[in-house]
PDB file of all heavy atoms in Angstrom:
ATOM      1  N   GLY A   1       0.772  -1.239   0.000  1.00  0.00           N
ATOM      2  CA  GLY A   1       0.000   0.000   0.000  1.00  0.00           C
ATOM      3  C   GLY A   1       0.796   1.277   0.000  1.00  0.00           C
ATOM      4  O   GLY A   1       0.501   2.206  -0.739  1.00  0.00           O
ATOM      5  N   LYS A   2       1.811   1.392   0.825  1.00  0.00           N
ATOM      6  CA  LYS A   2       2.531   2.658   0.961  1.00  0.00           C
ATOM      7  C   LYS A   2       3.513   2.907  -0.174  1.00  0.00           C
ATOM      8  O   LYS A   2       3.681   4.031  -0.624  1.00  0.00           O
ATOM      9  CB  LYS A   2       3.274   2.695   2.291  1.00  0.00           C
ATOM     10  CG  LYS A   2       2.346   2.726   3.478  1.00  0.00           C
ATOM     11  CD  LYS A   2       3.115   2.791   4.768  1.00  0.00           C
ATOM     12  CE  LYS A   2       2.170   2.812   5.947  1.00  0.00           C
ATOM     13  NZ  LYS A   2       2.881   2.832   7.215  1.00  0.00           N
ATOM     14  N   THR A   3       4.171   1.868  -0.658  1.00  0.00           N
ATOM     15  CA  THR A   3       5.217   2.055  -1.655  1.00  0.00           C
ATOM     16  C   THR A   3       4.773   1.733  -3.076  1.00  0.00           C
ATOM     17  O   THR A   3       5.521   1.966  -4.015  1.00  0.00           O
ATOM     18  CB  THR A   3       6.442   1.185  -1.315  1.00  0.00           C
ATOM     19  OG1 THR A   3       6.045  -0.181  -1.274  1.00  0.00           O
ATOM     20  CG2 THR A   3       7.039   1.589   0.016  1.00  0.00           C
ATOM     21  N   ALA A   4       3.569   1.212  -3.260  1.00  0.00           N
ATOM     22  CA  ALA A   4       3.116   0.802  -4.588  1.00  0.00           C
ATOM     23  C   ALA A   4       2.690   2.007  -5.417  1.00  0.00           C
ATOM     24  O   ALA A   4       2.196   2.998  -4.894  1.00  0.00           O
ATOM     25  CB  ALA A   4       1.958  -0.176  -4.476  1.00  0.00           C
ATOM     26  N   THR A   5       2.881   1.884  -6.723  1.00  0.00           N
ATOM     27  CA  THR A   5       2.432   2.925  -7.638  1.00  0.00           C
ATOM     28  C   THR A   5       0.938   2.738  -7.927  1.00  0.00           C
ATOM     29  O   THR A   5       0.358   1.693  -7.626  1.00  0.00           O
ATOM     30  CB  THR A   5       3.224   2.869  -8.949  1.00  0.00           C
ATOM     31  OG1 THR A   5       3.014   1.591  -9.555  1.00  0.00           O
ATOM     32  CG2 THR A   5       4.700   3.084  -8.705  1.00  0.00           C
ATOM     33  N   ASN A   6       0.325   3.745  -8.515  1.00  0.00           N
ATOM     34  CA  ASN A   6      -1.106   3.669  -8.819  1.00  0.00           C
ATOM     35  C   ASN A   6      -1.421   2.582  -9.835  1.00  0.00           C
ATOM     36  O   ASN A   6      -2.469   1.943  -9.764  1.00  0.00           O
ATOM     37  CB  ASN A   6      -1.613   5.019  -9.330  1.00  0.00           C
ATOM     38  CG  ASN A   6      -1.683   6.041  -8.222  1.00  0.00           C
ATOM     39  OD1 ASN A   6      -1.832   5.686  -7.061  1.00  0.00           O
ATOM     40  ND2 ASN A   6      -1.569   7.302  -8.588  1.00  0.00           N
ATOM     41  N   ALA A   7      -0.536   2.339 -10.787  1.00  0.00           N
ATOM     42  CA  ALA A   7      -0.761   1.298 -11.784  1.00  0.00           C
ATOM     43  C   ALA A   7      -0.812  -0.078 -11.130  1.00  0.00           C
ATOM     44  O   ALA A   7      -1.643  -0.912 -11.484  1.00  0.00           O
ATOM     45  CB  ALA A   7       0.340   1.333 -12.835  1.00  0.00           C
ATOM     46  N   VAL A   8       0.053  -0.315 -10.172  1.00  0.00           N
ATOM     47  CA  VAL A   8       0.077  -1.603  -9.481  1.00  0.00           C
ATOM     48  C   VAL A   8      -1.177  -1.762  -8.632  1.00  0.00           C
ATOM     49  O   VAL A   8      -1.782  -2.832  -8.572  1.00  0.00           O
ATOM     50  CB  VAL A   8       1.352  -1.724  -8.614  1.00  0.00           C
ATOM     51  CG1 VAL A   8       1.297  -2.926  -7.715  1.00  0.00           C
ATOM     52  CG2 VAL A   8       2.566  -1.796  -9.503  1.00  0.00           C
ATOM     53  N   LYS A   9      -1.615  -0.690  -7.971  1.00  0.00           N
ATOM     54  CA  LYS A   9      -2.811  -0.759  -7.141  1.00  0.00           C
ATOM     55  C   LYS A   9      -4.053  -1.065  -7.973  1.00  0.00           C
ATOM     56  O   LYS A   9      -4.943  -1.771  -7.531  1.00  0.00           O
ATOM     57  CB  LYS A   9      -3.000   0.548  -6.376  1.00  0.00           C
ATOM     58  CG  LYS A   9      -1.984   0.742  -5.270  1.00  0.00           C
ATOM     59  CD  LYS A   9      -2.204   2.056  -4.545  1.00  0.00           C
ATOM     60  CE  LYS A   9      -1.156   2.278  -3.486  1.00  0.00           C
ATOM     61  NZ  LYS A   9      -1.327   3.568  -2.793  1.00  0.00           N
ATOM     62  N   GLU A  10      -4.115  -0.538  -9.193  1.00  0.00           N
ATOM     63  CA  GLU A  10      -5.258  -0.800 -10.065  1.00  0.00           C
ATOM     64  C   GLU A  10      -5.277  -2.239 -10.560  1.00  0.00           C
ATOM     65  O   GLU A  10      -6.338  -2.815 -10.752  1.00  0.00           O
ATOM     66  CB  GLU A  10      -5.243   0.155 -11.252  1.00  0.00           C
ATOM     67  CG  GLU A  10      -5.548   1.585 -10.888  1.00  0.00           C
ATOM     68  CD  GLU A  10      -5.418   2.520 -12.072  1.00  0.00           C
ATOM     69  OE1 GLU A  10      -5.212   2.022 -13.203  1.00  0.00           O
ATOM     70  OE2 GLU A  10      -5.502   3.736 -11.865  1.00  0.00           O
ATOM     71  N   CYS A  11      -4.120  -2.842 -10.768  1.00  0.00           N
ATOM     72  CA  CYS A  11      -4.043  -4.194 -11.320  1.00  0.00           C
ATOM     73  C   CYS A  11      -4.161  -5.280 -10.271  1.00  0.00           C
ATOM     74  O   CYS A  11      -4.431  -6.426 -10.605  1.00  0.00           O
ATOM     75  CB  CYS A  11      -2.721  -4.372 -12.070  1.00  0.00           C
ATOM     76  SG  CYS A  11      -2.580  -3.351 -13.523  1.00  0.00           S
ATOM     77  N   SER A  12      -3.965  -4.953  -9.021  1.00  0.00           N
ATOM     78  CA  SER A  12      -3.966  -5.987  -7.981  1.00  0.00           C
ATOM     79  C   SER A  12      -5.354  -6.179  -7.399  1.00  0.00           C
ATOM     80  O   SER A  12      -6.210  -5.303  -7.464  1.00  0.00           O
ATOM     81  CB  SER A  12      -2.977  -5.617  -6.881  1.00  0.00           C
ATOM     82  OG  SER A  12      -3.397  -4.423  -6.258  1.00  0.00           O
ATOM     83  N   GLY A  13      -5.560  -7.353  -6.816  1.00  0.00           N
ATOM     84  CA  GLY A  13      -6.833  -7.674  -6.186  1.00  0.00           C
ATOM     85  C   GLY A  13      -6.867  -7.301  -4.721  1.00  0.00           C
ATOM     86  O   GLY A  13      -7.921  -6.998  -4.165  1.00  0.00           O
ATOM     87  N   VAL A  14      -5.719  -7.301  -4.070  1.00  0.00           N
ATOM     88  CA  VAL A  14      -5.612  -6.990  -2.648  1.00  0.00           C
ATOM     89  C   VAL A  14      -4.559  -5.909  -2.478  1.00  0.00           C
ATOM     90  O   VAL A  14      -3.467  -6.006  -3.024  1.00  0.00           O
ATOM     91  CB  VAL A  14      -5.210  -8.248  -1.839  1.00  0.00           C
ATOM     92  CG1 VAL A  14      -5.036  -7.915  -0.379  1.00  0.00           C
ATOM     93  CG2 VAL A  14      -6.228  -9.351  -2.020  1.00  0.00           C
ATOM     94  N   ILE A  15      -4.881  -4.885  -1.699  1.00  0.00           N
ATOM     95  CA  ILE A  15      -3.929  -3.815  -1.398  1.00  0.00           C
ATOM     96  C   ILE A  15      -3.706  -3.800   0.104  1.00  0.00           C
ATOM     97  O   ILE A  15      -4.649  -3.599   0.871  1.00  0.00           O
ATOM     98  CB  ILE A  15      -4.439  -2.442  -1.877  1.00  0.00           C
ATOM     99  CG1 ILE A  15      -4.687  -2.464  -3.378  1.00  0.00           C
ATOM    100  CG2 ILE A  15      -3.448  -1.352  -1.510  1.00  0.00           C
ATOM    101  CD1 ILE A  15      -5.362  -1.218  -3.901  1.00  0.00           C
ATOM    102  N   LEU A  16      -2.465  -4.029   0.515  1.00  0.00           N
ATOM    103  CA  LEU A  16      -2.140  -3.987   1.935  1.00  0.00           C
ATOM    104  C   LEU A  16      -2.022  -2.539   2.387  1.00  0.00           C
ATOM    105  O   LEU A  16      -1.413  -1.721   1.706  1.00  0.00           O
ATOM    106  CB  LEU A  16      -0.816  -4.700   2.195  1.00  0.00           C
ATOM    107  CG  LEU A  16      -0.752  -6.178   1.854  1.00  0.00           C
ATOM    108  CD1 LEU A  16       0.649  -6.701   2.129  1.00  0.00           C
ATOM    109  CD2 LEU A  16      -1.763  -6.945   2.654  1.00  0.00           C
ATOM    110  N   LEU A  17      -2.611  -2.209   3.521  1.00  0.00           N
ATOM    111  CA  LEU A  17      -2.529  -0.841   4.019  1.00  0.00           C
ATOM    112  C   LEU A  17      -1.139  -0.531   4.536  1.00  0.00           C
ATOM    113  O   LEU A  17      -0.648   0.578   4.400  1.00  0.00           O
ATOM    114  CB  LEU A  17      -3.562  -0.616   5.119  1.00  0.00           C
ATOM    115  CG  LEU A  17      -5.020  -0.730   4.664  1.00  0.00           C
ATOM    116  CD1 LEU A  17      -5.954  -0.549   5.851  1.00  0.00           C
ATOM    117  CD2 LEU A  17      -5.324   0.294   3.601  1.00  0.00           C
ATOM    118  N   GLU A  18      -0.500  -1.515   5.152  1.00  0.00           N
ATOM    119  CA  GLU A  18       0.863  -1.356   5.634  1.00  0.00           C
ATOM    120  C   GLU A  18       1.766  -2.270   4.812  1.00  0.00           C
ATOM    121  O   GLU A  18       1.313  -3.244   4.237  1.00  0.00           O
ATOM    122  CB  GLU A  18       0.961  -1.726   7.102  1.00  0.00           C
ATOM    123  CG  GLU A  18       0.121  -0.841   8.004  1.00  0.00           C
ATOM    124  CD  GLU A  18       0.229  -1.236   9.455  1.00  0.00           C
ATOM    125  OE1 GLU A  18       1.032  -2.137   9.772  1.00  0.00           O
ATOM    126  OE2 GLU A  18      -0.489  -0.655  10.261  1.00  0.00           O
ATOM    127  N   ASP A  19       3.029  -1.975   4.771  1.00  0.00           N
ATOM    128  CA  ASP A  19       3.968  -2.808   4.014  1.00  0.00           C
ATOM    129  C   ASP A  19       4.514  -3.948   4.868  1.00  0.00           C
ATOM    130  O   ASP A  19       5.638  -4.390   4.682  1.00  0.00           O
ATOM    131  CB  ASP A  19       5.119  -1.951   3.489  1.00  0.00           C
ATOM    132  CG  ASP A  19       4.640  -0.998   2.414  1.00  0.00           C
ATOM    133  OD1 ASP A  19       3.505  -1.162   1.939  1.00  0.00           O
ATOM    134  OD2 ASP A  19       5.398  -0.098   2.054  1.00  0.00           O
ATOM    135  N   ASN A  20       3.727  -4.438   5.782  1.00  0.00           N
ATOM    136  CA  ASN A  20       4.123  -5.528   6.667  1.00  0.00           C
ATOM    137  C   ASN A  20       3.572  -6.837   6.119  1.00  0.00           C
ATOM    138  O   ASN A  20       2.363  -7.000   5.966  1.00  0.00           O
ATOM    139  CB  ASN A  20       3.580  -5.265   8.071  1.00  0.00           C
ATOM    140  CG  ASN A  20       4.110  -6.233   9.081  1.00  0.00           C
ATOM    141  OD1 ASN A  20       4.868  -7.130   8.754  1.00  0.00           O
ATOM    142  ND2 ASN A  20       3.712  -6.049  10.321  1.00  0.00           N
ATOM    143  N   LEU A  21       4.449  -7.771   5.824  1.00  0.00           N
ATOM    144  CA  LEU A  21       4.025  -9.041   5.229  1.00  0.00           C
ATOM    145  C   LEU A  21       3.588 -10.070   6.272  1.00  0.00           C
ATOM    146  O   LEU A  21       3.096 -11.132   5.911  1.00  0.00           O
ATOM    147  CB  LEU A  21       5.158  -9.606   4.375  1.00  0.00           C
ATOM    148  CG  LEU A  21       5.632  -8.689   3.252  1.00  0.00           C
ATOM    149  CD1 LEU A  21       6.768  -9.346   2.492  1.00  0.00           C
ATOM    150  CD2 LEU A  21       4.503  -8.343   2.330  1.00  0.00           C
ATOM    151  N   ASP A  22       3.752  -9.782   7.548  1.00  0.00           N
ATOM    152  CA  ASP A  22       3.331 -10.720   8.588  1.00  0.00           C
ATOM    153  C   ASP A  22       1.814 -10.868   8.613  1.00  0.00           C
ATOM    154  O   ASP A  22       1.293 -11.918   9.003  1.00  0.00           O
ATOM    155  CB  ASP A  22       3.818 -10.258   9.962  1.00  0.00           C
ATOM    156  CG  ASP A  22       5.329 -10.281  10.073  1.00  0.00           C
ATOM    157  OD1 ASP A  22       5.962 -11.067   9.328  1.00  0.00           O
ATOM    158  OD2 ASP A  22       5.876  -9.512  10.882  1.00  0.00           O
ATOM    159  N   GLY A  23       1.090  -9.860   8.206  1.00  0.00           N
ATOM    160  CA  GLY A  23      -0.369  -9.924   8.186  1.00  0.00           C
ATOM    161  C   GLY A  23      -0.890 -10.932   7.184  1.00  0.00           C
ATOM    162  O   GLY A  23      -1.936 -11.538   7.394  1.00  0.00           O
ATOM    163  N   ILE A  24      -0.170 -11.143   6.085  1.00  0.00           N
ATOM    164  CA  ILE A  24      -0.602 -12.108   5.066  1.00  0.00           C
ATOM    165  C   ILE A  24      -0.584 -13.512   5.639  1.00  0.00           C
ATOM    166  O   ILE A  24      -1.515 -14.291   5.440  1.00  0.00           O
ATOM    167  CB  ILE A  24       0.301 -12.015   3.820  1.00  0.00           C
ATOM    168  CG1 ILE A  24       0.139 -10.669   3.158  1.00  0.00           C
ATOM    169  CG2 ILE A  24      -0.008 -13.126   2.837  1.00  0.00           C
ATOM    170  CD1 ILE A  24       1.083 -10.443   2.016  1.00  0.00           C
ATOM    171  N   GLU A  25       0.471 -13.843   6.364  1.00  0.00           N
ATOM    172  CA  GLU A  25       0.577 -15.174   6.958  1.00  0.00           C
ATOM    173  C   GLU A  25      -0.568 -15.418   7.937  1.00  0.00           C
ATOM    174  O   GLU A  25      -1.180 -16.485   7.938  1.00  0.00           O
ATOM    175  CB  GLU A  25       1.911 -15.317   7.676  1.00  0.00           C
ATOM    176  CG  GLU A  25       2.102 -16.663   8.332  1.00  0.00           C
ATOM    177  CD  GLU A  25       3.394 -16.739   9.118  1.00  0.00           C
ATOM    178  OE1 GLU A  25       4.147 -15.753   9.160  1.00  0.00           O
ATOM    179  OE2 GLU A  25       3.630 -17.800   9.703  1.00  0.00           O
ATOM    180  N   LEU A  26      -0.887 -14.444   8.747  1.00  0.00           N
ATOM    181  CA  LEU A  26      -1.966 -14.578   9.712  1.00  0.00           C
ATOM    182  C   LEU A  26      -3.310 -14.735   9.017  1.00  0.00           C
ATOM    183  O   LEU A  26      -4.134 -15.575   9.420  1.00  0.00           O
ATOM    184  CB  LEU A  26      -1.993 -13.366  10.649  1.00  0.00           C
ATOM    185  CG  LEU A  26      -3.011 -13.386  11.763  1.00  0.00           C
ATOM    186  CD1 LEU A  26      -2.714 -14.539  12.717  1.00  0.00           C
ATOM    187  CD2 LEU A  26      -2.993 -12.077  12.503  1.00  0.00           C
ATOM    188  N   CYS A  27      -3.538 -13.994   7.950  1.00  0.00           N
ATOM    189  CA  CYS A  27      -4.799 -14.102   7.205  1.00  0.00           C
ATOM    190  C   CYS A  27      -4.960 -15.465   6.554  1.00  0.00           C
ATOM    191  O   CYS A  27      -6.062 -16.025   6.532  1.00  0.00           O
ATOM    192  CB  CYS A  27      -4.879 -13.017   6.146  1.00  0.00           C
ATOM    193  SG  CYS A  27      -5.093 -11.373   6.811  1.00  0.00           S
ATOM    194  N   ILE A  28      -3.877 -16.009   6.030  1.00  0.00           N
ATOM    195  CA  ILE A  28      -3.949 -17.337   5.406  1.00  0.00           C
ATOM    196  C   ILE A  28      -4.279 -18.391   6.453  1.00  0.00           C
ATOM    197  O   ILE A  28      -5.116 -19.271   6.229  1.00  0.00           O
ATOM    198  CB  ILE A  28      -2.636 -17.656   4.675  1.00  0.00           C
ATOM    199  CG1 ILE A  28      -2.503 -16.763   3.449  1.00  0.00           C
ATOM    200  CG2 ILE A  28      -2.563 -19.123   4.277  1.00  0.00           C
ATOM    201  CD1 ILE A  28      -1.159 -16.849   2.764  1.00  0.00           C
ATOM    202  N   LYS A  29      -3.662 -18.294   7.618  1.00  0.00           N
ATOM    203  CA  LYS A  29      -3.952 -19.260   8.687  1.00  0.00           C
ATOM    204  C   LYS A  29      -5.406 -19.177   9.118  1.00  0.00           C
ATOM    205  O   LYS A  29      -6.074 -20.196   9.272  1.00  0.00           O
ATOM    206  CB  LYS A  29      -3.032 -19.014   9.874  1.00  0.00           C
ATOM    207  CG  LYS A  29      -1.618 -19.441   9.653  1.00  0.00           C
ATOM    208  CD  LYS A  29      -0.771 -19.177  10.883  1.00  0.00           C
ATOM    209  CE  LYS A  29       0.676 -19.554  10.663  1.00  0.00           C
ATOM    210  NZ  LYS A  29       1.498 -19.267  11.849  1.00  0.00           N
TER     211      LYS A  29
END
């Protein structure tokens, strides 16, 4: 979310609000 460009945000299905990848692991579990 914080470092992504607008083009990447438009093409992606999920946008993380923070650039912390630990949240993805917790969501998958």
